Amino acid sequence: MLKKYVFILCLAALAGCAANSAITGQWVQPIPGMEQQMQGFKLKKGGEASSINMATLLYEKWEKQGNTLTLHGKSVGNGQTLPFTESYTIQQLDEHTLKLLSNYGSVFTYTRPK
């Protein structure tokens, strides 16, 4: 019985790693008003994050629990730096598209750069 329980826990851990590895990598979207340029974030293995083409929004780390993606970082501007945490519901995640629903109802669609 104990072996079966340990086996199930191992499978669950592997499934969680696989789910997180599907979301790792670069995700970008067009900059509003400058659609030829892209902005976004890079989600690295181990929970580290970084911003892509965003000087004032500096992503530092991320975590995924179930269908919730949480991003942490610093907002830089007006002579001050403030920590932030953003949580999103993942509406779609596949190899090409990441669609996030914010707590205030906005949907953000990201793609992997080519």
N, C-alpha and C. Protein backbone atom coordinates (compact mmCIF):
# COMPACT_ATOMS: atom_id res chain seq x y z
N MET A 1 0.82 -1.19 0.00
CA MET A 1 0.00 0.00 0.00
C MET A 1 0.87 1.26 0.00
N LEU A 2 1.94 1.26 0.81
CA LEU A 2 2.83 2.41 0.89
C LEU A 2 3.51 2.65 -0.46
N LYS A 3 3.93 1.59 -1.15
CA LYS A 3 4.57 1.74 -2.46
C LYS A 3 3.61 2.39 -3.45
N LYS A 4 2.35 1.99 -3.40
CA LYS A 4 1.35 2.56 -4.31
C LYS A 4 1.17 4.05 -4.02
N TYR A 5 1.13 4.44 -2.76
CA TYR A 5 0.98 5.84 -2.36
C TYR A 5 2.18 6.66 -2.83
N VAL A 6 3.40 6.14 -2.64
CA VAL A 6 4.61 6.84 -3.06
C VAL A 6 4.62 6.99 -4.58
N PHE A 7 4.20 5.95 -5.31
CA PHE A 7 4.15 6.00 -6.76
C PHE A 7 3.18 7.09 -7.23
N ILE A 8 2.02 7.18 -6.60
CA ILE A 8 1.03 8.20 -6.97
C ILE A 8 1.58 9.60 -6.69
N LEU A 9 2.27 9.79 -5.58
CA LEU A 9 2.87 11.09 -5.27
C LEU A 9 3.93 11.46 -6.30
N CYS A 10 4.73 10.50 -6.73
CA CYS A 10 5.75 10.75 -7.75
C CYS A 10 5.11 11.15 -9.07
N LEU A 11 4.04 10.47 -9.46
CA LEU A 11 3.34 10.82 -10.70
C LEU A 11 2.77 12.23 -10.62
N ALA A 12 2.21 12.59 -9.49
CA ALA A 12 1.65 13.93 -9.32
C ALA A 12 2.75 14.99 -9.41
N ALA A 13 3.89 14.73 -8.82
CA ALA A 13 5.02 15.67 -8.88
C ALA A 13 5.51 15.83 -10.30
N LEU A 14 5.62 14.73 -11.03
CA LEU A 14 6.05 14.79 -12.42
C LEU A 14 5.05 15.55 -13.28
N ALA A 15 3.78 15.35 -13.04
CA ALA A 15 2.75 16.07 -13.79
C ALA A 15 2.86 17.56 -13.53
N GLY A 16 3.12 17.94 -12.30
CA GLY A 16 3.29 19.35 -11.98
C GLY A 16 4.50 19.95 -12.66
N CYS A 17 5.59 19.22 -12.72
CA CYS A 17 6.79 19.70 -13.41
C CYS A 17 6.52 19.84 -14.90
N ALA A 18 5.82 18.88 -15.48
CA ALA A 18 5.51 18.95 -16.91
C ALA A 18 4.61 20.14 -17.21
N ALA A 19 3.64 20.40 -16.34
CA ALA A 19 2.74 21.52 -16.54
C ALA A 19 3.51 22.84 -16.47
N ASN A 20 4.44 22.95 -15.52
CA ASN A 20 5.22 24.17 -15.41
C ASN A 20 6.20 24.31 -16.57
N SER A 21 6.74 23.20 -17.08
CA SER A 21 7.67 23.31 -18.19
C SER A 21 6.95 23.76 -19.46
N ALA A 22 5.66 23.50 -19.57
CA ALA A 22 4.90 23.95 -20.74
C ALA A 22 4.78 25.46 -20.78
N ILE A 23 4.84 26.11 -19.63
CA ILE A 23 4.67 27.56 -19.58
C ILE A 23 6.01 28.29 -19.60
N THR A 24 7.11 27.60 -19.36
CA THR A 24 8.40 28.27 -19.37
C THR A 24 8.75 28.75 -20.77
N GLY A 25 9.55 29.78 -20.83
CA GLY A 25 9.98 30.35 -22.10
C GLY A 25 9.54 31.79 -22.23
N GLN A 26 9.69 32.33 -23.44
CA GLN A 26 9.34 33.71 -23.71
C GLN A 26 7.90 33.83 -24.19
N TRP A 27 7.21 34.87 -23.69
CA TRP A 27 5.84 35.17 -24.09
C TRP A 27 5.75 36.66 -24.39
N VAL A 28 5.27 37.02 -25.59
CA VAL A 28 5.21 38.42 -25.99
C VAL A 28 3.86 38.77 -26.60
N GLN A 29 3.58 40.08 -26.62
CA GLN A 29 2.39 40.64 -27.25
C GLN A 29 2.77 41.98 -27.85
N PRO A 30 2.03 42.47 -28.85
CA PRO A 30 2.34 43.79 -29.42
C PRO A 30 2.17 44.89 -28.37
N ILE A 31 3.02 45.89 -28.45
CA ILE A 31 2.90 47.06 -27.57
C ILE A 31 1.74 47.91 -28.08
N PRO A 32 0.75 48.22 -27.24
CA PRO A 32 -0.38 49.04 -27.70
C PRO A 32 0.09 50.35 -28.31
N GLY A 33 -0.38 50.64 -29.51
CA GLY A 33 0.00 51.85 -30.21
C GLY A 33 1.28 51.72 -31.02
N MET A 34 2.04 50.64 -30.78
CA MET A 34 3.28 50.38 -31.52
C MET A 34 3.32 48.89 -31.87
N GLU A 35 2.34 48.45 -32.62
CA GLU A 35 2.12 47.02 -32.86
C GLU A 35 3.28 46.29 -33.54
N GLN A 36 4.22 47.04 -34.12
CA GLN A 36 5.39 46.40 -34.74
C GLN A 36 6.42 45.97 -33.69
N GLN A 37 6.27 46.47 -32.47
CA GLN A 37 7.19 46.12 -31.38
C GLN A 37 6.49 45.23 -30.39
N MET A 38 7.28 44.39 -29.72
CA MET A 38 6.71 43.40 -28.78
C MET A 38 7.22 43.65 -27.36
N GLN A 39 6.39 43.25 -26.41
CA GLN A 39 6.74 43.29 -24.99
C GLN A 39 6.23 42.02 -24.34
N GLY A 40 6.77 41.71 -23.17
CA GLY A 40 6.29 40.52 -22.48
C GLY A 40 7.23 40.10 -21.37
N PHE A 41 7.35 38.79 -21.20
CA PHE A 41 8.16 38.26 -20.11
C PHE A 41 8.74 36.92 -20.49
N LYS A 42 9.77 36.56 -19.76
CA LYS A 42 10.39 35.24 -19.91
C LYS A 42 10.25 34.53 -18.58
N LEU A 43 9.66 33.34 -18.62
CA LEU A 43 9.49 32.51 -17.42
C LEU A 43 10.55 31.40 -17.49
N LYS A 44 11.48 31.44 -16.56
CA LYS A 44 12.59 30.50 -16.55
C LYS A 44 12.31 29.36 -15.58
N LYS A 45 12.94 28.22 -15.84
CA LYS A 45 12.83 27.09 -14.91
C LYS A 45 13.33 27.53 -13.55
N GLY A 46 12.71 27.05 -12.50
CA GLY A 46 13.11 27.40 -11.15
C GLY A 46 12.40 28.62 -10.60
N GLY A 47 11.49 29.21 -11.39
CA GLY A 47 10.69 30.31 -10.89
C GLY A 47 11.24 31.70 -11.12
N GLU A 48 12.35 31.82 -11.84
CA GLU A 48 12.88 33.14 -12.13
C GLU A 48 12.17 33.72 -13.36
N ALA A 49 11.96 35.04 -13.37
CA ALA A 49 11.30 35.70 -14.49
C ALA A 49 12.07 36.95 -14.87
N SER A 50 11.89 37.39 -16.11
CA SER A 50 12.47 38.65 -16.55
C SER A 50 11.54 39.31 -17.56
N SER A 51 11.68 40.62 -17.69
CA SER A 51 10.85 41.40 -18.60
C SER A 51 11.46 41.41 -19.99
N ILE A 52 10.61 41.53 -21.00
CA ILE A 52 11.05 41.70 -22.37
C ILE A 52 10.54 43.05 -22.85
N ASN A 53 11.47 43.96 -23.14
CA ASN A 53 11.17 45.27 -23.71
C ASN A 53 10.24 46.11 -22.82
N MET A 54 10.41 46.00 -21.50
CA MET A 54 9.63 46.80 -20.55
C MET A 54 10.59 47.33 -19.48
N ALA A 55 10.99 48.60 -19.62
CA ALA A 55 11.98 49.17 -18.71
C ALA A 55 11.41 49.52 -17.34
N THR A 56 10.11 49.73 -17.24
CA THR A 56 9.53 50.18 -15.97
C THR A 56 8.81 49.08 -15.20
N LEU A 57 8.64 47.91 -15.82
CA LEU A 57 7.99 46.78 -15.16
C LEU A 57 8.98 45.62 -15.19
N LEU A 58 9.62 45.38 -14.06
CA LEU A 58 10.70 44.41 -14.00
C LEU A 58 10.24 43.13 -13.30
N TYR A 59 9.94 42.11 -14.09
CA TYR A 59 9.55 40.83 -13.53
C TYR A 59 10.77 40.14 -12.93
N GLU A 60 10.57 39.50 -11.78
CA GLU A 60 11.68 38.84 -11.09
C GLU A 60 11.43 37.35 -10.85
N LYS A 61 10.19 36.99 -10.52
CA LYS A 61 9.90 35.57 -10.27
C LYS A 61 8.45 35.26 -10.62
N TRP A 62 8.17 33.97 -10.75
CA TRP A 62 6.83 33.52 -11.11
C TRP A 62 6.54 32.21 -10.42
N GLU A 63 5.25 31.90 -10.34
CA GLU A 63 4.81 30.59 -9.84
C GLU A 63 3.48 30.25 -10.48
N LYS A 64 3.27 28.97 -10.66
CA LYS A 64 2.02 28.48 -11.24
C LYS A 64 1.44 27.45 -10.30
N GLN A 65 0.21 27.67 -9.90
CA GLN A 65 -0.51 26.72 -9.05
C GLN A 65 -1.86 26.47 -9.70
N GLY A 66 -2.07 25.25 -10.17
CA GLY A 66 -3.29 24.94 -10.90
C GLY A 66 -3.36 25.78 -12.15
N ASN A 67 -4.44 26.53 -12.30
CA ASN A 67 -4.57 27.39 -13.48
C ASN A 67 -4.32 28.87 -13.14
N THR A 68 -3.57 29.11 -12.08
CA THR A 68 -3.23 30.48 -11.69
C THR A 68 -1.74 30.74 -11.90
N LEU A 69 -1.43 31.80 -12.63
CA LEU A 69 -0.06 32.25 -12.83
C LEU A 69 0.12 33.53 -12.02
N THR A 70 1.14 33.55 -11.16
CA THR A 70 1.44 34.71 -10.35
C THR A 70 2.83 35.22 -10.72
N LEU A 71 2.90 36.51 -11.03
CA LEU A 71 4.15 37.17 -11.39
C LEU A 71 4.51 38.18 -10.31
N HIS A 72 5.79 38.22 -9.94
CA HIS A 72 6.28 39.15 -8.93
C HIS A 72 7.39 40.00 -9.55
N GLY A 73 7.50 41.24 -9.11
CA GLY A 73 8.57 42.08 -9.61
C GLY A 73 8.55 43.45 -8.99
N LYS A 74 9.16 44.40 -9.74
CA LYS A 74 9.24 45.79 -9.28
C LYS A 74 8.76 46.71 -10.39
N SER A 75 8.00 47.71 -10.00
CA SER A 75 7.57 48.77 -10.91
C SER A 75 8.46 49.98 -10.65
N VAL A 76 9.12 50.45 -11.70
CA VAL A 76 10.08 51.55 -11.57
C VAL A 76 9.53 52.76 -12.31
N GLY A 77 9.45 53.90 -11.61
CA GLY A 77 8.98 55.11 -12.26
C GLY A 77 8.79 56.24 -11.27
N ASN A 78 8.83 57.46 -11.79
CA ASN A 78 8.62 58.67 -10.98
C ASN A 78 9.52 58.70 -9.74
N GLY A 79 10.75 58.24 -9.90
CA GLY A 79 11.71 58.30 -8.80
C GLY A 79 11.50 57.30 -7.70
N GLN A 80 10.60 56.34 -7.89
CA GLN A 80 10.38 55.33 -6.86
C GLN A 80 10.28 53.94 -7.46
N THR A 81 10.61 52.95 -6.66
CA THR A 81 10.51 51.56 -7.07
C THR A 81 9.58 50.85 -6.09
N LEU A 82 8.54 50.23 -6.63
CA LEU A 82 7.54 49.57 -5.79
C LEU A 82 7.42 48.10 -6.17
N PRO A 83 7.39 47.21 -5.18
CA PRO A 83 7.18 45.79 -5.49
C PRO A 83 5.73 45.56 -5.92
N PHE A 84 5.51 44.55 -6.76
CA PHE A 84 4.16 44.20 -7.16
C PHE A 84 4.02 42.70 -7.28
N THR A 85 2.78 42.26 -7.20
CA THR A 85 2.40 40.87 -7.45
C THR A 85 1.14 40.91 -8.30
N GLU A 86 1.16 40.18 -9.43
CA GLU A 86 0.01 40.08 -10.32
C GLU A 86 -0.39 38.62 -10.42
N SER A 87 -1.67 38.33 -10.27
CA SER A 87 -2.16 36.97 -10.44
C SER A 87 -3.16 36.93 -11.59
N TYR A 88 -3.06 35.89 -12.39
CA TYR A 88 -3.92 35.72 -13.57
C TYR A 88 -4.46 34.30 -13.60
N THR A 89 -5.65 34.14 -14.17
CA THR A 89 -6.20 32.83 -14.45
C THR A 89 -5.77 32.46 -15.87
N ILE A 90 -5.18 31.29 -16.02
CA ILE A 90 -4.76 30.83 -17.34
C ILE A 90 -5.98 30.29 -18.07
N GLN A 91 -6.37 30.97 -19.15
CA GLN A 91 -7.51 30.53 -19.95
C GLN A 91 -7.09 29.60 -21.07
N GLN A 92 -5.88 29.79 -21.57
CA GLN A 92 -5.37 28.93 -22.64
C GLN A 92 -3.86 28.85 -22.51
N LEU A 93 -3.34 27.64 -22.64
CA LEU A 93 -1.90 27.42 -22.65
C LEU A 93 -1.61 26.27 -23.59
N ASP A 94 -0.91 26.59 -24.67
CA ASP A 94 -0.41 25.54 -25.55
C ASP A 94 0.98 25.97 -26.01
N GLU A 95 1.56 25.28 -26.95
CA GLU A 95 2.95 25.58 -27.31
C GLU A 95 3.11 26.95 -27.96
N HIS A 96 2.03 27.55 -28.47
CA HIS A 96 2.12 28.84 -29.17
C HIS A 96 1.42 29.99 -28.46
N THR A 97 0.42 29.72 -27.62
CA THR A 97 -0.43 30.77 -27.07
C THR A 97 -0.59 30.65 -25.56
N LEU A 98 -0.53 31.80 -24.89
CA LEU A 98 -0.83 31.91 -23.46
C LEU A 98 -1.84 33.02 -23.32
N LYS A 99 -3.04 32.67 -22.86
CA LYS A 99 -4.11 33.66 -22.67
C LYS A 99 -4.40 33.75 -21.18
N LEU A 100 -4.27 34.98 -20.64
CA LEU A 100 -4.42 35.23 -19.22
C LEU A 100 -5.59 36.16 -18.93
N LEU A 101 -6.37 35.82 -17.93
CA LEU A 101 -7.49 36.63 -17.46
C LEU A 101 -7.08 37.31 -16.15
N SER A 102 -7.12 38.65 -16.13
CA SER A 102 -6.76 39.38 -14.92
C SER A 102 -7.92 39.36 -13.93
N ASN A 103 -7.62 39.76 -12.70
CA ASN A 103 -8.64 39.83 -11.65
C ASN A 103 -9.70 40.87 -11.96
N TYR A 104 -9.40 41.84 -12.81
CA TYR A 104 -10.38 42.88 -13.15
C TYR A 104 -11.03 42.64 -14.50
N GLY A 105 -10.88 41.44 -15.07
CA GLY A 105 -11.65 41.04 -16.24
C GLY A 105 -10.99 41.24 -17.60
N SER A 106 -9.79 41.79 -17.65
CA SER A 106 -9.10 41.96 -18.93
C SER A 106 -8.42 40.66 -19.33
N VAL A 107 -8.41 40.40 -20.64
CA VAL A 107 -7.74 39.21 -21.17
C VAL A 107 -6.50 39.66 -21.93
N PHE A 108 -5.38 39.03 -21.63
CA PHE A 108 -4.12 39.32 -22.29
C PHE A 108 -3.67 38.07 -23.05
N THR A 109 -3.38 38.24 -24.34
CA THR A 109 -2.97 37.11 -25.16
C THR A 109 -1.50 37.28 -25.54
N TYR A 110 -0.70 36.28 -25.23
CA TYR A 110 0.73 36.27 -25.52
C TYR A 110 1.01 35.11 -26.48
N THR A 111 2.06 35.29 -27.27
CA THR A 111 2.53 34.22 -28.14
C THR A 111 4.02 34.04 -27.93
N ARG A 112 4.52 32.91 -28.39
CA ARG A 112 5.96 32.68 -28.33
C ARG A 112 6.60 33.38 -29.54
N PRO A 113 7.69 34.13 -29.32
CA PRO A 113 8.34 34.76 -30.47
C PRO A 113 8.93 33.72 -31.41
N LYS A 114 8.95 34.08 -32.69
CA LYS A 114 9.47 33.14 -33.69
C LYS A 114 10.94 33.36 -33.91
